[in-house]
Amino acid sequence: MPIAEIVLLFIAGFASGAVNAVAGGGTFLTFGAMSLTGIPPIAANATSSITQIPGYITSTLAYWSDIRTFWRGALMLAAISIAGALAGSLTLLSLDNPSFRVMVPWLLIGATALFAAGPWLKPKPKAGQPATVGSFWGSIVQFVTAVYGGFFGAGMGVMMLATLGLTQTGDYHRLNALKNLLSIVIAFVAIVVFVSGGVIAWLPAMVMIPAVALGGYCGVWTAKRVPQNVVRAFVIATGVLLAVYYFVTG
């Protein structure tokens, strides 16, 4: 792999971790960088799932005290997420790269729009209410979200936080803790499927994983100095440019 590509992937991974720590949407950067280096879209999508794992884990650990209060109820949503992520990731593997490439710009537009609407989709705080999980409609919605997460993943966090806010109870931080926990479940299922399917680009993954972890750590510094609206605008612009790139080159 040329040095220039390694540098690009490392920078994209670092920026992804930092962006996720501030506003979310880092998957756009890792997916975009791999696309620019010529990695086929299915492999780029699958590899992006691996690169985000460090951030999911650290953010979940930060909410561990909240998770301990409702972990038994969360087990059912975790099981539903496993089923949905399995369905989504297997569906991705059933496609070939040309077929998936046709879908990518539309998926990017949808994910970018979802991310842009994120501030208006955040659940309203419900202070004083215990976090309860596992309603029938909440289970159905979580299954659909997990299918999307296993299939593509960009914007999954925003989507899940919004749907959990509509279908579960609890304050914002408890819902965010649940979202982080379920994101780990979905990501791990997708990774197992993608590794078994042989679609992971391992060298780019090894370059980006430590970069994402480092970027996530430095994201705290970024959050204190860069307005969140600026970071969100950067992510949205990246999503639009990627969609245009796939429309033009497709």
Protein backbone atom coordinates (compact mmCIF):
# COMPACT_ATOMS: atom_id res chain seq x y z
CA MET A 1 0.00 0.00 0.00
CA PRO A 2 1.47 3.40 -0.98
CA ILE A 3 2.52 5.72 1.84
CA ALA A 4 0.08 8.37 0.63
CA GLU A 5 -2.84 5.95 1.05
CA ILE A 6 -1.67 4.91 4.53
CA VAL A 7 -1.50 8.56 5.56
CA LEU A 8 -4.97 9.22 4.11
CA LEU A 9 -6.48 6.24 5.94
CA PHE A 10 -4.81 7.17 9.23
CA ILE A 11 -6.00 10.77 9.02
CA ALA A 12 -9.51 9.61 8.10
CA GLY A 13 -9.52 7.18 11.03
CA PHE A 14 -8.29 9.81 13.46
CA ALA A 15 -10.87 12.32 12.20
CA SER A 16 -13.57 9.65 12.41
CA GLY A 17 -12.84 8.97 16.07
CA ALA A 18 -12.76 12.68 16.89
CA VAL A 19 -15.97 13.40 14.96
CA ASN A 20 -17.79 10.52 16.65
CA ALA A 21 -16.75 11.86 20.05
CA VAL A 22 -18.18 15.30 19.22
CA ALA A 23 -21.17 14.82 16.93
CA GLY A 24 -21.21 11.31 15.44
CA GLY A 25 -21.02 10.46 11.73
CA GLY A 26 -17.43 9.24 11.65
CA THR A 27 -18.35 6.29 9.43
CA PHE A 28 -18.71 8.70 6.50
CA LEU A 29 -14.99 9.50 6.77
CA THR A 30 -13.66 5.94 7.01
CA PHE A 31 -15.96 4.71 4.24
CA GLY A 32 -15.06 7.69 2.05
CA ALA A 33 -11.30 7.32 2.54
CA MET A 34 -11.41 3.64 1.61
CA SER A 35 -13.54 4.41 -1.43
CA LEU A 36 -10.97 6.97 -2.60
CA THR A 37 -8.18 4.39 -2.29
CA GLY A 38 -10.04 2.06 -4.63
CA ILE A 39 -11.41 -0.44 -2.12
CA PRO A 40 -14.65 -1.99 -3.44
CA PRO A 41 -17.77 -0.61 -1.74
CA ILE A 42 -18.76 -3.84 0.02
CA ALA A 43 -15.29 -4.22 1.52
CA ALA A 44 -15.17 -0.51 2.42
CA ASN A 45 -18.53 -0.78 4.16
CA ALA A 46 -17.61 -3.97 6.00
CA THR A 47 -14.21 -2.65 7.07
CA SER A 48 -15.77 0.57 8.38
CA SER A 49 -17.76 -1.57 10.81
CA ILE A 50 -14.54 -2.93 12.29
CA THR A 51 -12.88 0.47 12.61
CA GLN A 52 -15.73 1.86 14.73
CA ILE A 53 -15.58 -0.86 17.40
CA PRO A 54 -13.06 0.93 19.71
CA GLY A 55 -15.30 3.97 19.91
CA TYR A 56 -18.40 1.88 20.62
CA ILE A 57 -16.63 0.05 23.46
CA THR A 58 -15.18 3.12 25.16
CA SER A 59 -18.46 5.04 24.94
CA THR A 60 -20.35 2.07 26.41
CA LEU A 61 -17.90 1.73 29.30
CA ALA A 62 -18.40 5.42 30.05
CA TYR A 63 -22.11 4.67 30.59
CA TRP A 64 -21.60 1.45 32.54
CA SER A 65 -23.21 2.76 35.73
CA ASP A 66 -26.40 3.51 33.75
CA ILE A 67 -26.37 0.18 31.90
CA ARG A 68 -26.23 -1.78 35.16
CA THR A 69 -29.64 -0.41 36.11
CA PHE A 70 -31.48 -1.94 33.16
CA TRP A 71 -29.22 -4.62 31.68
CA ARG A 72 -31.74 -7.43 32.16
CA GLY A 73 -34.36 -5.63 30.12
CA ALA A 74 -31.77 -4.71 27.50
CA LEU A 75 -30.99 -8.38 26.86
CA MET A 76 -34.16 -8.81 24.77
CA LEU A 77 -33.32 -5.82 22.58
CA ALA A 78 -29.79 -7.19 22.26
CA ALA A 79 -31.16 -10.53 21.05
CA ILE A 80 -33.42 -8.71 18.57
CA SER A 81 -30.44 -6.65 17.42
CA ILE A 82 -28.45 -9.83 16.80
CA ALA A 83 -31.22 -11.17 14.56
CA GLY A 84 -31.55 -7.87 12.68
CA ALA A 85 -27.81 -7.36 12.22
CA LEU A 86 -27.48 -10.94 10.99
CA ALA A 87 -30.23 -10.37 8.41
CA GLY A 88 -28.72 -7.08 7.25
CA SER A 89 -25.12 -8.27 6.97
CA LEU A 90 -26.10 -11.48 5.19
CA THR A 91 -28.17 -9.43 2.75
CA LEU A 92 -25.10 -7.30 2.01
CA LEU A 93 -22.99 -10.40 1.32
CA SER A 94 -25.65 -11.70 -1.07
CA LEU A 95 -24.99 -8.71 -3.35
CA ASP A 96 -22.10 -8.16 -5.71
CA ASN A 97 -20.10 -4.93 -5.77
CA PRO A 98 -21.80 -3.47 -8.89
CA SER A 99 -25.25 -4.01 -7.36
CA PHE A 100 -24.27 -2.52 -4.04
CA ARG A 101 -22.48 0.40 -5.70
CA VAL A 102 -25.74 1.44 -7.36
CA MET A 103 -27.36 1.58 -3.93
CA VAL A 104 -24.53 3.41 -2.15
CA PRO A 105 -25.27 7.02 -3.22
CA TRP A 106 -28.92 6.65 -2.22
CA LEU A 107 -27.91 5.12 1.11
CA LEU A 108 -25.47 7.98 1.64
CA ILE A 109 -28.13 10.59 0.87
CA GLY A 110 -30.53 8.95 3.31
CA ALA A 111 -27.89 8.62 6.02
CA THR A 112 -26.72 12.22 5.51
CA ALA A 113 -30.29 13.51 5.74
CA LEU A 114 -30.81 11.47 8.90
CA PHE A 115 -27.60 12.82 10.39
CA ALA A 116 -28.53 16.40 9.46
CA ALA A 117 -31.88 15.96 11.21
CA GLY A 118 -30.17 14.51 14.27
CA PRO A 119 -30.58 17.54 16.57
CA TRP A 120 -34.34 17.47 15.99
CA LEU A 121 -34.55 13.70 16.45
CA LYS A 122 -32.95 13.58 19.89
CA PRO A 123 -35.36 12.29 22.51
CA LYS A 124 -36.64 14.83 25.00
CA PRO A 125 -35.34 14.25 28.53
CA LYS A 126 -37.73 12.39 30.78
CA ALA A 127 -36.12 13.07 34.12
CA GLY A 128 -37.16 10.87 36.98
CA GLN A 129 -38.42 8.02 34.82
CA PRO A 130 -36.65 4.68 35.07
CA ALA A 131 -35.36 3.23 31.82
CA THR A 132 -37.70 0.50 30.66
CA VAL A 133 -37.10 -1.49 27.52
CA GLY A 134 -38.72 -4.24 25.57
CA SER A 135 -42.11 -2.99 24.32
CA PHE A 136 -43.56 -4.79 21.30
CA TRP A 137 -43.28 -1.82 18.94
CA GLY A 138 -39.90 -0.95 20.36
CA SER A 139 -38.73 -4.47 19.50
CA ILE A 140 -40.01 -4.22 15.92
CA VAL A 141 -38.39 -0.83 15.37
CA GLN A 142 -35.11 -2.01 16.88
CA PHE A 143 -35.08 -5.01 14.54
CA VAL A 144 -35.44 -2.72 11.51
CA THR A 145 -32.69 -0.44 12.83
CA ALA A 146 -30.40 -3.42 13.38
CA VAL A 147 -31.05 -4.65 9.82
CA TYR A 148 -29.96 -1.25 8.55
CA GLY A 149 -26.93 -1.28 10.84
CA GLY A 150 -25.83 -4.69 9.63
CA PHE A 151 -26.35 -3.74 6.00
CA PHE A 152 -24.82 -0.25 5.86
CA GLY A 153 -24.37 1.38 9.25
CA ALA A 154 -23.74 5.05 8.43
CA GLY A 155 -26.12 7.13 10.55
CA MET A 156 -27.16 4.10 12.59
CA GLY A 157 -26.43 5.79 15.91
CA VAL A 158 -28.63 8.79 15.12
CA MET A 159 -31.41 6.52 13.88
CA MET A 160 -31.25 4.30 16.94
CA LEU A 161 -31.22 7.16 19.43
CA ALA A 162 -34.27 8.64 17.73
CA THR A 163 -36.22 5.37 17.65
CA LEU A 164 -35.31 4.48 21.24
CA GLY A 165 -36.56 7.90 22.29
CA LEU A 166 -39.91 7.15 20.65
CA THR A 167 -40.33 3.60 21.91
CA GLN A 168 -38.58 3.41 25.31
CA THR A 169 -38.61 5.41 28.53
CA GLY A 170 -35.74 6.92 30.47
CA ASP A 171 -33.74 10.12 30.31
CA TYR A 172 -31.41 11.04 27.44
CA HIS A 173 -28.27 9.58 29.01
CA ARG A 174 -29.88 6.22 29.71
CA LEU A 175 -31.19 6.03 26.16
CA ASN A 176 -27.76 6.95 24.83
CA ALA A 177 -26.21 4.24 27.01
CA LEU A 178 -28.66 1.70 25.57
CA LYS A 179 -27.88 2.91 22.04
CA ASN A 180 -24.13 2.45 22.62
CA LEU A 181 -24.63 -1.04 24.02
CA LEU A 182 -26.81 -2.15 21.10
CA SER A 183 -24.35 -0.60 18.63
CA ILE A 184 -21.65 -2.95 19.95
CA VAL A 185 -23.96 -5.93 19.51
CA ILE A 186 -24.84 -4.97 15.93
CA ALA A 187 -21.25 -4.20 15.00
CA PHE A 188 -19.90 -7.49 16.38
CA VAL A 189 -22.52 -9.56 14.57
CA ALA A 190 -21.78 -7.76 11.30
CA ILE A 191 -18.04 -8.23 11.79
CA VAL A 192 -18.40 -11.98 12.36
CA VAL A 193 -20.45 -12.27 9.15
CA PHE A 194 -18.09 -10.04 7.14
CA VAL A 195 -14.97 -11.85 8.37
CA SER A 196 -16.57 -15.20 7.53
CA GLY A 197 -17.45 -13.83 4.09
CA GLY A 198 -13.86 -12.70 3.48
CA VAL A 199 -14.79 -9.10 2.62
CA ILE A 200 -12.64 -7.27 5.20
CA ALA A 201 -9.75 -5.16 3.89
CA TRP A 202 -7.41 -6.01 6.75
CA LEU A 203 -4.49 -3.70 6.02
CA PRO A 204 -6.64 -0.54 5.89
CA ALA A 205 -8.43 -1.76 9.02
CA MET A 206 -5.14 -2.13 10.88
CA VAL A 207 -4.17 1.39 9.87
CA MET A 208 -7.46 2.95 10.91
CA ILE A 209 -8.34 1.11 14.13
CA PRO A 210 -5.60 2.72 16.28
CA ALA A 211 -6.24 6.02 14.52
CA VAL A 212 -9.95 5.88 15.42
CA ALA A 213 -9.10 5.06 19.04
CA LEU A 214 -6.61 7.94 19.22
CA GLY A 215 -9.07 10.30 17.55
CA GLY A 216 -11.80 9.32 20.00
CA TYR A 217 -9.51 10.14 22.92
CA CYS A 218 -8.57 13.49 21.40
CA GLY A 219 -12.21 14.18 20.62
CA VAL A 220 -12.63 15.51 24.14
CA TRP A 221 -10.11 18.25 23.29
CA THR A 222 -11.95 18.92 20.04
CA ALA A 223 -15.30 19.12 21.80
CA LYS A 224 -14.00 21.90 24.03
CA ARG A 225 -12.60 24.00 21.19
CA VAL A 226 -14.58 23.37 18.00
CA PRO A 227 -18.32 24.20 17.88
CA GLN A 228 -20.43 21.08 17.34
CA ASN A 229 -22.27 22.79 14.47
CA VAL A 230 -18.97 23.15 12.60
CA VAL A 231 -18.20 19.45 13.01
CA ARG A 232 -21.73 18.48 11.95
CA ALA A 233 -21.47 20.69 8.85
CA PHE A 234 -18.19 18.98 7.95
CA VAL A 235 -19.75 15.51 8.26
CA ILE A 236 -22.81 16.53 6.22
CA ALA A 237 -20.60 18.00 3.48
CA THR A 238 -18.58 14.77 3.44
CA GLY A 239 -21.74 12.69 3.05
CA VAL A 240 -23.01 14.84 0.18
CA LEU A 241 -19.65 14.79 -1.61
CA LEU A 242 -19.44 11.02 -1.25
CA ALA A 243 -22.94 10.62 -2.68
CA VAL A 244 -21.99 12.85 -5.64
CA TYR A 245 -18.79 10.84 -6.11
CA TYR A 246 -20.72 7.57 -6.32
CA PHE A 247 -23.35 9.06 -8.61
CA VAL A 248 -20.66 10.37 -10.99
CA THR A 249 -18.43 7.29 -10.94
CA GLY A 250 -21.25 4.77 -10.82
